N, C-alpha and C. Protein backbone atom coordinates (compact mmCIF):
# COMPACT_ATOMS: atom_id res chain seq x y z
N UNK A 1 4.26 11.86 -73.81
CA UNK A 1 3.94 11.06 -72.80
C UNK A 1 3.05 11.69 -71.94
N UNK A 2 1.94 11.11 -71.52
CA UNK A 2 0.87 11.78 -70.56
C UNK A 2 1.60 11.73 -69.19
N UNK A 3 1.46 12.64 -68.36
CA UNK A 3 2.12 13.16 -67.43
C UNK A 3 1.28 12.17 -66.20
N UNK A 4 2.07 11.18 -65.36
CA UNK A 4 1.38 10.60 -64.45
C UNK A 4 2.01 10.73 -62.87
N UNK A 5 1.28 10.87 -61.96
CA UNK A 5 1.73 10.96 -60.75
C UNK A 5 0.88 10.03 -59.71
N UNK A 6 1.55 9.34 -59.11
CA UNK A 6 1.10 8.29 -58.19
C UNK A 6 0.96 9.24 -57.00
N UNK A 7 1.36 10.06 -56.45
CA UNK A 7 1.16 11.08 -55.37
C UNK A 7 -0.24 11.69 -55.45
N UNK A 8 -0.45 12.39 -57.04
CA UNK A 8 -1.45 13.14 -57.31
C UNK A 8 -2.96 12.56 -56.95
N UNK A 9 -2.68 11.29 -57.62
CA UNK A 9 -4.00 9.96 -57.74
C UNK A 9 -4.05 9.49 -56.14
N UNK A 10 -3.15 9.23 -55.38
CA UNK A 10 -3.76 8.99 -54.10
C UNK A 10 -3.87 9.90 -53.23
N UNK A 11 -3.61 11.23 -53.65
CA UNK A 11 -4.02 12.15 -53.00
C UNK A 11 -5.66 11.99 -52.45
N UNK A 12 -6.24 11.54 -53.08
CA UNK A 12 -7.90 11.38 -53.08
C UNK A 12 -7.99 10.66 -51.82
N UNK A 13 -7.26 9.84 -51.40
CA UNK A 13 -7.39 8.98 -50.07
C UNK A 13 -7.24 9.90 -49.05
N UNK A 14 -6.71 10.93 -48.93
CA UNK A 14 -6.52 11.93 -47.92
C UNK A 14 -7.21 13.38 -47.54
N UNK A 15 -7.98 13.17 -48.95
CA UNK A 15 -8.89 14.72 -49.08
C UNK A 15 -9.93 14.39 -48.31
N UNK A 16 -10.32 15.57 -47.54
CA UNK A 16 -11.42 15.34 -46.35
C UNK A 16 -12.77 15.15 -47.09
N UNK A 17 -13.22 15.60 -48.06
CA UNK A 17 -14.25 15.59 -48.91
C UNK A 17 -14.30 15.69 -50.42
N UNK A 18 -15.50 15.19 -51.12
CA UNK A 18 -15.47 15.40 -52.46
C UNK A 18 -15.44 16.74 -52.72
N UNK A 19 -14.69 17.23 -53.78
CA UNK A 19 -14.78 18.47 -54.43
C UNK A 19 -15.66 19.25 -55.29
N UNK A 20 -16.79 18.03 -55.30
CA UNK A 20 -18.02 18.33 -56.23
C UNK A 20 -19.14 18.38 -55.11
N UNK A 21 -19.17 17.54 -54.66
CA UNK A 21 -20.68 17.49 -53.74
C UNK A 21 -20.27 17.88 -52.07
N UNK A 22 -19.18 17.77 -51.79
CA UNK A 22 -19.01 17.59 -50.33
C UNK A 22 -19.13 16.62 -49.69
N UNK A 23 -19.15 15.47 -50.28
CA UNK A 23 -19.42 14.13 -49.31
C UNK A 23 -18.17 14.21 -48.32
N UNK A 24 -18.25 13.74 -47.25
CA UNK A 24 -17.09 13.46 -46.24
C UNK A 24 -16.54 12.25 -46.77
N UNK A 25 -15.06 12.24 -46.73
CA UNK A 25 -14.19 10.87 -47.02
C UNK A 25 -14.04 9.97 -45.67
N UNK A 26 -14.89 9.39 -45.21
CA UNK A 26 -15.07 8.55 -43.95
C UNK A 26 -13.94 7.40 -43.56
N UNK A 27 -13.76 6.85 -45.35
CA UNK A 27 -12.61 5.55 -44.76
C UNK A 27 -11.26 5.59 -46.00
N UNK A 28 -11.40 7.21 -46.19
CA UNK A 28 -9.98 6.93 -47.30
C UNK A 28 -10.02 6.41 -48.71
N UNK A 29 -11.09 5.63 -48.84
CA UNK A 29 -11.36 5.11 -50.20
C UNK A 29 -12.58 5.27 -51.08
N UNK A 30 -13.34 6.18 -50.44
CA UNK A 30 -14.56 6.83 -51.03
C UNK A 30 -14.24 7.82 -52.41
N UNK A 31 -13.02 8.58 -52.42
CA UNK A 31 -12.79 9.22 -53.01
C UNK A 31 -11.62 9.06 -54.35
N UNK A 32 -11.73 9.51 -55.32
CA UNK A 32 -10.90 9.20 -56.70
C UNK A 32 -10.45 10.36 -57.34
N UNK A 33 -9.73 10.13 -58.16
CA UNK A 33 -9.26 11.33 -59.33
C UNK A 33 -10.05 11.17 -60.52
N UNK A 34 -10.85 11.91 -60.93
CA UNK A 34 -11.46 11.94 -61.95
C UNK A 34 -10.56 12.93 -63.08
N UNK A 35 -10.52 11.94 -64.28
CA UNK A 35 -9.62 13.07 -65.11
C UNK A 35 -10.59 13.68 -66.16
N UNK A 36 -10.14 15.03 -66.69
CA UNK A 36 -11.16 15.64 -67.69
C UNK A 36 -11.30 14.72 -68.96
N UNK A 37 -12.54 15.10 -69.59
CA UNK A 37 -12.79 14.46 -70.68
C UNK A 37 -12.65 15.26 -71.80
N UNK A 38 -12.02 16.49 -71.61
CA UNK A 38 -12.06 17.34 -72.84
C UNK A 38 -10.83 17.26 -73.42
N UNK A 39 -11.16 17.55 -74.73
CA UNK A 39 -10.11 17.16 -75.96
C UNK A 39 -9.20 18.54 -75.29
N UNK A 40 -9.56 19.62 -75.25
CA UNK A 40 -8.76 20.97 -74.88
C UNK A 40 -7.60 20.74 -73.97
N UNK A 41 -8.08 19.32 -72.89
CA UNK A 41 -6.97 19.58 -71.92
C UNK A 41 -6.15 18.10 -72.14
N UNK A 42 -6.34 17.34 -73.38
CA UNK A 42 -5.31 16.49 -73.75
C UNK A 42 -5.94 15.02 -73.80
N UNK A 43 -7.36 15.03 -73.74
CA UNK A 43 -8.08 13.67 -73.76
C UNK A 43 -7.73 13.15 -75.27
N UNK A 44 -7.56 12.10 -75.27
CA UNK A 44 -7.57 11.05 -76.75
C UNK A 44 -8.38 10.22 -76.90
N UNK A 45 -8.37 9.40 -78.01
CA UNK A 45 -9.09 8.30 -78.26
C UNK A 45 -9.03 7.21 -77.29
N UNK A 46 -7.65 7.14 -77.01
CA UNK A 46 -7.24 5.63 -76.15
C UNK A 46 -6.59 5.95 -74.67
N UNK A 47 -6.52 7.31 -74.61
CA UNK A 47 -5.87 7.59 -73.16
C UNK A 47 -6.73 9.07 -72.66
N UNK A 48 -5.99 8.95 -71.26
CA UNK A 48 -6.78 9.99 -70.20
C UNK A 48 -5.96 11.26 -70.46
N UNK A 49 -5.92 12.45 -69.75
CA UNK A 49 -5.48 13.64 -69.79
C UNK A 49 -4.51 13.32 -68.74
N UNK A 50 -3.42 14.36 -68.34
CA UNK A 50 -2.52 14.27 -67.34
C UNK A 50 -3.30 14.14 -66.03
N UNK A 51 -2.37 13.50 -65.12
CA UNK A 51 -3.13 13.53 -63.76
C UNK A 51 -3.64 14.98 -62.97
N UNK A 52 -2.66 15.65 -63.59
CA UNK A 52 -2.98 17.19 -63.06
C UNK A 52 -4.46 17.84 -63.45
N UNK A 53 -4.69 17.34 -64.39
CA UNK A 53 -6.16 17.52 -64.74
C UNK A 53 -7.06 16.54 -64.12
N UNK A 54 -6.94 16.26 -63.00
CA UNK A 54 -7.68 15.33 -62.50
C UNK A 54 -8.76 16.18 -61.12
N UNK A 55 -9.71 15.74 -61.21
CA UNK A 55 -10.78 16.21 -59.83
C UNK A 55 -10.65 15.44 -59.14
N UNK A 56 -10.92 15.62 -57.64
CA UNK A 56 -11.05 14.50 -56.85
C UNK A 56 -12.74 14.61 -56.34
N UNK A 57 -13.22 13.51 -56.70
CA UNK A 57 -14.69 13.42 -56.66
C UNK A 57 -14.89 12.03 -55.74
N UNK A 58 -15.94 11.84 -55.62
CA UNK A 58 -16.93 10.68 -55.32
C UNK A 58 -16.62 9.33 -56.21
N UNK A 59 -16.00 8.29 -55.71
CA UNK A 59 -16.18 7.12 -56.41
C UNK A 59 -16.84 6.00 -56.68
N UNK A 60 -17.82 5.93 -55.71
CA UNK A 60 -18.83 5.15 -55.40
C UNK A 60 -19.85 5.03 -56.66
N UNK A 61 -20.45 4.08 -57.02
CA UNK A 61 -21.36 3.48 -58.10
C UNK A 61 -22.50 4.80 -58.07
N UNK A 62 -22.67 5.14 -59.38
CA UNK A 62 -23.74 6.37 -59.56
C UNK A 62 -23.37 7.52 -58.88
N UNK A 63 -22.09 7.88 -58.06
CA UNK A 63 -21.71 9.17 -57.70
C UNK A 63 -21.12 10.21 -58.38
N UNK A 64 -20.58 11.12 -57.88
CA UNK A 64 -19.90 12.40 -58.82
C UNK A 64 -18.93 11.78 -59.92
N UNK A 65 -17.88 10.90 -59.98
CA UNK A 65 -17.19 10.54 -60.83
C UNK A 65 -17.84 9.70 -62.30
N UNK A 66 -18.93 9.06 -61.37
CA UNK A 66 -20.08 8.50 -62.78
C UNK A 66 -20.92 9.60 -63.27
N UNK A 67 -21.36 10.53 -62.70
CA UNK A 67 -21.92 11.72 -63.36
C UNK A 67 -21.14 12.15 -64.33
N UNK A 68 -19.86 12.76 -63.95
CA UNK A 68 -18.93 13.45 -64.68
C UNK A 68 -18.62 12.53 -65.97
N UNK A 69 -18.22 11.32 -66.17
CA UNK A 69 -18.08 10.61 -66.94
C UNK A 69 -19.24 10.06 -67.78
N UNK A 70 -20.66 10.39 -67.27
CA UNK A 70 -21.48 10.06 -68.27
C UNK A 70 -22.30 8.58 -68.17
N UNK A 71 -21.86 8.02 -66.74
CA UNK A 71 -22.24 6.72 -66.44
C UNK A 71 -23.69 6.60 -65.89
N UNK A 72 -23.98 7.56 -65.40
CA UNK A 72 -25.16 7.91 -64.30
C UNK A 72 -25.54 9.60 -64.30
N UNK A 73 -26.75 9.78 -64.20
CA UNK A 73 -27.49 10.79 -64.51
C UNK A 73 -27.39 11.18 -65.63
N UNK A 74 -28.27 12.34 -65.95
CA UNK A 74 -28.71 12.78 -67.36
C UNK A 74 -28.06 14.45 -67.83
N UNK A 75 -26.80 14.40 -67.61
CA UNK A 75 -26.08 15.64 -67.68
C UNK A 75 -25.50 15.93 -69.03
N UNK A 76 -25.83 16.93 -69.53
CA UNK A 76 -25.53 17.22 -70.87
C UNK A 76 -23.89 17.30 -70.69
N UNK A 77 -23.28 17.42 -72.02
CA UNK A 77 -22.05 17.62 -72.17
C UNK A 77 -21.34 18.99 -71.67
N UNK A 78 -22.22 19.83 -71.56
CA UNK A 78 -21.52 20.96 -70.78
C UNK A 78 -21.33 21.04 -69.25
N UNK A 79 -22.62 20.55 -68.96
CA UNK A 79 -23.18 20.30 -67.55
C UNK A 79 -22.04 19.29 -66.89
N UNK A 80 -21.54 18.21 -67.66
CA UNK A 80 -20.64 17.46 -67.22
C UNK A 80 -19.09 17.94 -66.87
N UNK A 81 -18.70 18.62 -67.92
CA UNK A 81 -17.57 19.72 -67.83
C UNK A 81 -17.43 20.46 -67.02
N UNK A 82 -18.69 21.42 -66.58
CA UNK A 82 -18.71 22.54 -65.72
C UNK A 82 -18.89 21.82 -64.33
N UNK A 83 -19.37 20.50 -64.35
CA UNK A 83 -19.06 19.73 -63.08
C UNK A 83 -17.67 19.58 -62.68
N UNK A 84 -16.94 19.04 -63.74
CA UNK A 84 -15.59 18.41 -63.49
C UNK A 84 -14.94 19.65 -63.08
N UNK A 85 -15.04 20.93 -64.14
CA UNK A 85 -14.37 21.79 -64.09
C UNK A 85 -14.28 22.65 -62.36
N UNK A 86 -15.33 22.86 -61.83
CA UNK A 86 -15.62 23.59 -60.45
C UNK A 86 -14.92 22.42 -59.41
N UNK A 87 -14.98 21.17 -59.87
CA UNK A 87 -14.20 20.24 -58.71
C UNK A 87 -12.74 20.36 -58.75
N UNK A 88 -12.44 20.35 -60.28
CA UNK A 88 -10.85 20.30 -60.43
C UNK A 88 -10.17 21.80 -59.79
N UNK A 89 -11.14 23.03 -60.22
CA UNK A 89 -10.69 24.41 -59.17
C UNK A 89 -10.46 24.06 -57.90
N UNK A 90 -11.36 23.28 -57.13
CA UNK A 90 -10.99 23.26 -55.75
C UNK A 90 -10.01 22.28 -55.35
N UNK A 91 -9.74 21.13 -56.24
CA UNK A 91 -8.69 20.17 -56.20
C UNK A 91 -7.37 20.81 -56.24
N UNK A 92 -7.37 21.95 -56.93
CA UNK A 92 -5.97 22.19 -57.47
C UNK A 92 -5.59 23.06 -56.26
N UNK A 93 -6.68 23.75 -55.56
CA UNK A 93 -6.53 24.77 -54.56
C UNK A 93 -5.99 23.86 -53.51
N UNK A 94 -6.74 22.93 -53.18
CA UNK A 94 -6.33 21.81 -52.00
C UNK A 94 -4.95 21.14 -51.85
N UNK A 95 -4.86 21.07 -53.40
CA UNK A 95 -3.52 20.47 -53.50
C UNK A 95 -2.13 21.28 -52.97
N UNK A 96 -2.46 22.67 -53.14
CA UNK A 96 -1.72 23.67 -52.80
C UNK A 96 -1.63 23.96 -51.48
N UNK A 97 -2.92 24.19 -50.89
CA UNK A 97 -2.97 24.39 -49.37
C UNK A 97 -2.61 23.72 -48.51
N UNK A 98 -2.64 22.19 -48.91
CA UNK A 98 -2.47 21.19 -48.03
C UNK A 98 -0.97 20.64 -48.21
N UNK A 99 -0.25 21.59 -49.06
CA UNK A 99 1.34 21.22 -49.44
C UNK A 99 1.14 19.88 -50.00
N UNK A 100 0.45 19.27 -51.03
CA UNK A 100 0.96 18.15 -51.54
C UNK A 100 1.46 18.71 -52.92
N UNK A 101 1.24 19.94 -53.41
CA UNK A 101 1.89 20.43 -54.51
C UNK A 101 2.64 21.55 -53.99
N UNK A 102 3.96 21.81 -54.38
CA UNK A 102 4.69 22.77 -54.05
C UNK A 102 5.53 23.63 -55.21
N UNK A 103 5.72 24.84 -55.42
CA UNK A 103 6.33 25.42 -55.91
C UNK A 103 7.66 25.83 -55.60
């Protein structure tokens, strides 16, 4: 079973800015959790990767989430993965630094 966490998904609403482009989260609704599309992270034909493999990015049409998922822009597969990877690293750091994830 794939790991799901409403708290991790909802953390995007509290995040101060997109972890990819830096756009500020003015209304608490602009950011979403973009799951990795890489097979090595657990992506399958009909299911998403675990929620901890999600990056907080802009969710508006044509913004970072659409670029990562290939719905906007003309990024190569490697460019999309790199964009997601950098945003994911910042997201995980923010989760720990903000106390949303604790050990």
